[in-house]
Amino acid sequence: MSNPMQIWNDWCALSVQAARLGWEAQGVMALRVMRMAAQPAHSQTEARRMVTEKVAAFGEAQAAATAAVIRGGKSHRVAKRVLGVYKKRVRANKRRLTRA
């Protein structure tokens, strides 16, 4: 039997990670909007990139969740895997958008 306090702690930690990811994603959205406003000629390319990245990230997250469930992962660990996929994508976009 799992320790209820440990389960609570795991979900709280996951909630903090999700909130932090949401904050970082908002920053990336702001960077994208600024880049699109500053470089109108590249706006369509950036908009296409946004859509294709979202579809790819969703597929990757779904595969990560499926693999974690198949391995018998607990629900908070499955959710953590999914967050990890989006975290990787958000950070890569932040790096790309902040380069000169």
N, C-alpha and C. Protein backbone atom coordinates (compact mmCIF):
# COMPACT_ATOMS: atom_id res chain seq x y z
N MET A 1 0.85 -1.18 0.00
CA MET A 1 0.00 0.00 0.00
C MET A 1 0.89 1.24 0.00
N SER A 2 0.55 2.20 -0.81
CA SER A 2 1.33 3.43 -0.90
C SER A 2 1.04 4.34 0.29
N ASN A 3 2.04 5.08 0.65
CA ASN A 3 1.92 6.05 1.73
C ASN A 3 1.11 7.25 1.22
N PRO A 4 -0.04 7.54 1.84
CA PRO A 4 -0.88 8.65 1.37
C PRO A 4 -0.16 9.99 1.40
N MET A 5 0.70 10.19 2.38
CA MET A 5 1.43 11.46 2.47
C MET A 5 2.41 11.60 1.31
N GLN A 6 3.04 10.50 0.92
CA GLN A 6 3.98 10.54 -0.20
C GLN A 6 3.24 10.83 -1.51
N ILE A 7 2.08 10.22 -1.66
CA ILE A 7 1.28 10.48 -2.85
C ILE A 7 0.90 11.96 -2.91
N TRP A 8 0.48 12.51 -1.77
CA TRP A 8 0.14 13.93 -1.68
C TRP A 8 1.34 14.80 -2.08
N ASN A 9 2.52 14.47 -1.54
CA ASN A 9 3.73 15.22 -1.85
C ASN A 9 4.08 15.14 -3.34
N ASP A 10 3.92 13.95 -3.91
CA ASP A 10 4.22 13.78 -5.34
C ASP A 10 3.32 14.66 -6.20
N TRP A 11 2.02 14.68 -5.86
CA TRP A 11 1.08 15.49 -6.64
C TRP A 11 1.32 16.98 -6.43
N CYS A 12 1.69 17.37 -5.22
CA CYS A 12 1.99 18.79 -4.97
C CYS A 12 3.21 19.23 -5.78
N ALA A 13 4.24 18.39 -5.79
CA ALA A 13 5.44 18.70 -6.57
C ALA A 13 5.10 18.82 -8.06
N LEU A 14 4.26 17.92 -8.53
CA LEU A 14 3.85 17.95 -9.93
C LEU A 14 3.06 19.23 -10.22
N SER A 15 2.23 19.64 -9.30
CA SER A 15 1.46 20.88 -9.48
C SER A 15 2.36 22.09 -9.59
N VAL A 16 3.40 22.14 -8.79
CA VAL A 16 4.36 23.25 -8.85
C VAL A 16 5.08 23.23 -10.19
N GLN A 17 5.47 22.04 -10.65
CA GLN A 17 6.14 21.93 -11.95
C GLN A 17 5.22 22.38 -13.08
N ALA A 18 3.95 22.01 -13.00
CA ALA A 18 2.98 22.41 -14.03
C ALA A 18 2.79 23.92 -14.04
N ALA A 19 2.72 24.52 -12.86
CA ALA A 19 2.57 25.98 -12.77
C ALA A 19 3.79 26.68 -13.35
N ARG A 20 4.98 26.18 -13.02
CA ARG A 20 6.21 26.76 -13.56
C ARG A 20 6.25 26.64 -15.08
N LEU A 21 5.84 25.49 -15.60
CA LEU A 21 5.81 25.29 -17.05
C LEU A 21 4.82 26.26 -17.70
N GLY A 22 3.69 26.46 -17.06
CA GLY A 22 2.71 27.41 -17.59
C GLY A 22 3.27 28.81 -17.67
N TRP A 23 4.00 29.20 -16.64
CA TRP A 23 4.64 30.52 -16.61
C TRP A 23 5.67 30.64 -17.74
N GLU A 24 6.49 29.62 -17.90
CA GLU A 24 7.50 29.64 -18.96
C GLU A 24 6.85 29.66 -20.34
N ALA A 25 5.76 28.93 -20.50
CA ALA A 25 5.06 28.90 -21.79
C ALA A 25 4.49 30.27 -22.13
N GLN A 26 3.99 30.98 -21.13
CA GLN A 26 3.49 32.34 -21.38
C GLN A 26 4.61 33.25 -21.86
N GLY A 27 5.78 33.08 -21.28
CA GLY A 27 6.94 33.86 -21.71
C GLY A 27 7.30 33.57 -23.16
N VAL A 28 7.23 32.31 -23.54
CA VAL A 28 7.53 31.93 -24.92
C VAL A 28 6.48 32.51 -25.87
N MET A 29 5.23 32.49 -25.44
CA MET A 29 4.18 33.09 -26.28
C MET A 29 4.45 34.58 -26.49
N ALA A 30 4.87 35.26 -25.44
CA ALA A 30 5.18 36.69 -25.56
C ALA A 30 6.35 36.90 -26.52
N LEU A 31 7.37 36.07 -26.40
CA LEU A 31 8.52 36.19 -27.31
C LEU A 31 8.10 35.97 -28.76
N ARG A 32 7.23 35.00 -28.97
CA ARG A 32 6.76 34.73 -30.33
C ARG A 32 5.98 35.90 -30.89
N VAL A 33 5.09 36.46 -30.10
CA VAL A 33 4.29 37.59 -30.57
C VAL A 33 5.20 38.77 -30.89
N MET A 34 6.17 39.03 -30.03
CA MET A 34 7.10 40.14 -30.29
C MET A 34 7.90 39.90 -31.56
N ARG A 35 8.33 38.67 -31.76
CA ARG A 35 9.10 38.37 -32.97
C ARG A 35 8.22 38.52 -34.21
N MET A 36 6.99 38.07 -34.12
CA MET A 36 6.09 38.19 -35.27
C MET A 36 5.78 39.65 -35.57
N ALA A 37 5.66 40.46 -34.53
CA ALA A 37 5.39 41.89 -34.73
C ALA A 37 6.61 42.61 -35.29
N ALA A 38 7.80 42.20 -34.86
CA ALA A 38 9.03 42.86 -35.30
C ALA A 38 9.45 42.41 -36.69
N GLN A 39 9.07 41.19 -37.08
CA GLN A 39 9.47 40.66 -38.37
C GLN A 39 8.24 40.13 -39.12
N PRO A 40 7.40 41.03 -39.61
CA PRO A 40 6.15 40.59 -40.26
C PRO A 40 6.38 39.62 -41.42
N ALA A 41 7.50 39.74 -42.10
CA ALA A 41 7.78 38.85 -43.24
C ALA A 41 7.91 37.39 -42.79
N HIS A 42 8.29 37.17 -41.54
CA HIS A 42 8.49 35.82 -41.02
C HIS A 42 7.31 35.32 -40.18
N SER A 43 6.27 36.12 -40.08
CA SER A 43 5.13 35.78 -39.23
C SER A 43 4.44 34.49 -39.65
N GLN A 44 4.24 34.33 -40.94
CA GLN A 44 3.55 33.13 -41.43
C GLN A 44 4.38 31.88 -41.15
N THR A 45 5.68 31.98 -41.30
CA THR A 45 6.55 30.85 -41.01
C THR A 45 6.49 30.49 -39.53
N GLU A 46 6.51 31.49 -38.68
CA GLU A 46 6.45 31.26 -37.23
C GLU A 46 5.11 30.67 -36.84
N ALA A 47 4.03 31.16 -37.45
CA ALA A 47 2.70 30.63 -37.15
C ALA A 47 2.60 29.16 -37.57
N ARG A 48 3.13 28.83 -38.73
CA ARG A 48 3.15 27.43 -39.17
C ARG A 48 3.96 26.57 -38.22
N ARG A 49 5.09 27.09 -37.80
CA ARG A 49 5.95 26.37 -36.87
C ARG A 49 5.21 26.08 -35.56
N MET A 50 4.47 27.07 -35.06
CA MET A 50 3.72 26.89 -33.82
C MET A 50 2.76 25.71 -33.93
N VAL A 51 2.02 25.67 -35.03
CA VAL A 51 1.02 24.61 -35.20
C VAL A 51 1.69 23.25 -35.32
N THR A 52 2.70 23.14 -36.17
CA THR A 52 3.35 21.84 -36.35
C THR A 52 4.04 21.38 -35.08
N GLU A 53 4.63 22.30 -34.32
CA GLU A 53 5.27 21.92 -33.05
C GLU A 53 4.25 21.42 -32.04
N LYS A 54 3.08 22.06 -32.01
CA LYS A 54 2.05 21.63 -31.06
C LYS A 54 1.57 20.22 -31.38
N VAL A 55 1.36 19.93 -32.65
CA VAL A 55 0.91 18.60 -33.06
C VAL A 55 1.98 17.56 -32.73
N ALA A 56 3.22 17.89 -33.02
CA ALA A 56 4.32 16.96 -32.73
C ALA A 56 4.48 16.75 -31.23
N ALA A 57 4.37 17.81 -30.45
CA ALA A 57 4.49 17.69 -28.99
C ALA A 57 3.36 16.84 -28.42
N PHE A 58 2.16 17.02 -28.95
CA PHE A 58 1.04 16.21 -28.49
C PHE A 58 1.29 14.73 -28.76
N GLY A 59 1.75 14.42 -29.96
CA GLY A 59 2.05 13.02 -30.30
C GLY A 59 3.14 12.45 -29.41
N GLU A 60 4.17 13.24 -29.17
CA GLU A 60 5.27 12.77 -28.31
C GLU A 60 4.78 12.57 -26.87
N ALA A 61 3.95 13.48 -26.39
CA ALA A 61 3.42 13.37 -25.03
C ALA A 61 2.52 12.14 -24.90
N GLN A 62 1.72 11.90 -25.92
CA GLN A 62 0.84 10.74 -25.91
C GLN A 62 1.66 9.45 -25.89
N ALA A 63 2.71 9.40 -26.68
CA ALA A 63 3.57 8.21 -26.70
C ALA A 63 4.28 8.02 -25.35
N ALA A 64 4.73 9.12 -24.76
CA ALA A 64 5.40 9.03 -23.45
C ALA A 64 4.44 8.54 -22.38
N ALA A 65 3.22 9.04 -22.41
CA ALA A 65 2.21 8.60 -21.43
C ALA A 65 1.88 7.12 -21.63
N THR A 66 1.70 6.72 -22.86
CA THR A 66 1.38 5.32 -23.15
C THR A 66 2.49 4.41 -22.68
N ALA A 67 3.72 4.78 -22.98
CA ALA A 67 4.86 3.96 -22.55
C ALA A 67 4.94 3.87 -21.03
N ALA A 68 4.69 4.98 -20.35
CA ALA A 68 4.74 4.99 -18.88
C ALA A 68 3.64 4.12 -18.29
N VAL A 69 2.46 4.15 -18.88
CA VAL A 69 1.35 3.33 -18.40
C VAL A 69 1.65 1.85 -18.63
N ILE A 70 2.18 1.53 -19.79
CA ILE A 70 2.51 0.14 -20.10
C ILE A 70 3.53 -0.42 -19.11
N ARG A 71 4.48 0.44 -18.71
CA ARG A 71 5.49 0.03 -17.73
C ARG A 71 4.93 -0.04 -16.32
N GLY A 72 3.65 0.29 -16.16
CA GLY A 72 3.03 0.21 -14.84
C GLY A 72 3.25 1.43 -13.98
N GLY A 73 3.50 2.56 -14.60
CA GLY A 73 3.76 3.78 -13.86
C GLY A 73 2.54 4.28 -13.12
N LYS A 74 2.78 4.87 -11.98
CA LYS A 74 1.70 5.48 -11.21
C LYS A 74 1.24 6.74 -11.93
N SER A 75 0.02 7.16 -11.63
CA SER A 75 -0.57 8.27 -12.38
C SER A 75 0.25 9.55 -12.31
N HIS A 76 0.83 9.87 -11.15
CA HIS A 76 1.62 11.11 -11.07
C HIS A 76 2.91 10.99 -11.87
N ARG A 77 3.42 9.79 -12.02
CA ARG A 77 4.64 9.61 -12.83
C ARG A 77 4.33 9.71 -14.32
N VAL A 78 3.16 9.21 -14.70
CA VAL A 78 2.73 9.35 -16.09
C VAL A 78 2.57 10.83 -16.42
N ALA A 79 1.91 11.56 -15.52
CA ALA A 79 1.72 13.00 -15.73
C ALA A 79 3.06 13.73 -15.78
N LYS A 80 4.00 13.31 -14.96
CA LYS A 80 5.33 13.94 -14.96
C LYS A 80 6.04 13.72 -16.29
N ARG A 81 5.87 12.54 -16.87
CA ARG A 81 6.47 12.26 -18.19
C ARG A 81 5.89 13.20 -19.26
N VAL A 82 4.59 13.38 -19.21
CA VAL A 82 3.94 14.27 -20.17
C VAL A 82 4.43 15.70 -19.99
N LEU A 83 4.51 16.15 -18.74
CA LEU A 83 5.03 17.50 -18.48
C LEU A 83 6.46 17.63 -19.00
N GLY A 84 7.24 16.58 -18.86
CA GLY A 84 8.62 16.61 -19.33
C GLY A 84 8.73 16.86 -20.82
N VAL A 85 7.80 16.28 -21.58
CA VAL A 85 7.80 16.50 -23.03
C VAL A 85 7.57 17.97 -23.34
N TYR A 86 6.55 18.55 -22.71
CA TYR A 86 6.23 19.95 -22.98
C TYR A 86 7.31 20.88 -22.44
N LYS A 87 7.89 20.53 -21.32
CA LYS A 87 8.98 21.34 -20.75
C LYS A 87 10.16 21.42 -21.72
N LYS A 88 10.50 20.28 -22.31
CA LYS A 88 11.60 20.24 -23.28
C LYS A 88 11.29 21.14 -24.47
N ARG A 89 10.06 21.08 -24.96
CA ARG A 89 9.67 21.88 -26.12
C ARG A 89 9.66 23.37 -25.80
N VAL A 90 9.12 23.73 -24.64
CA VAL A 90 9.06 25.14 -24.25
C VAL A 90 10.47 25.71 -24.10
N ARG A 91 11.34 24.98 -23.46
CA ARG A 91 12.72 25.48 -23.27
C ARG A 91 13.46 25.60 -24.58
N ALA A 92 13.24 24.67 -25.50
CA ALA A 92 13.89 24.76 -26.81
C ALA A 92 13.40 26.00 -27.56
N ASN A 93 12.13 26.28 -27.49
CA ASN A 93 11.59 27.47 -28.15
C ASN A 93 12.13 28.73 -27.51
N LYS A 94 12.24 28.73 -26.19
CA LYS A 94 12.78 29.90 -25.50
C LYS A 94 14.21 30.16 -25.95
N ARG A 95 15.01 29.12 -26.03
CA ARG A 95 16.40 29.28 -26.51
C ARG A 95 16.42 29.83 -27.92
N ARG A 96 15.60 29.27 -28.78
CA ARG A 96 15.58 29.70 -30.18
C ARG A 96 15.11 31.15 -30.31
N LEU A 97 14.11 31.53 -29.56
CA LEU A 97 13.54 32.86 -29.69
C LEU A 97 14.37 33.95 -29.00
N THR A 98 15.25 33.58 -28.10
CA THR A 98 16.07 34.59 -27.43
C THR A 98 17.44 34.74 -28.07
N ARG A 99 17.75 33.91 -29.04
CA ARG A 99 19.02 34.09 -29.76
C ARG A 99 18.96 35.36 -30.60
N ALA A 100 20.10 35.98 -30.74
CA ALA A 100 20.16 37.23 -31.53
C ALA A 100 20.06 36.97 -33.01
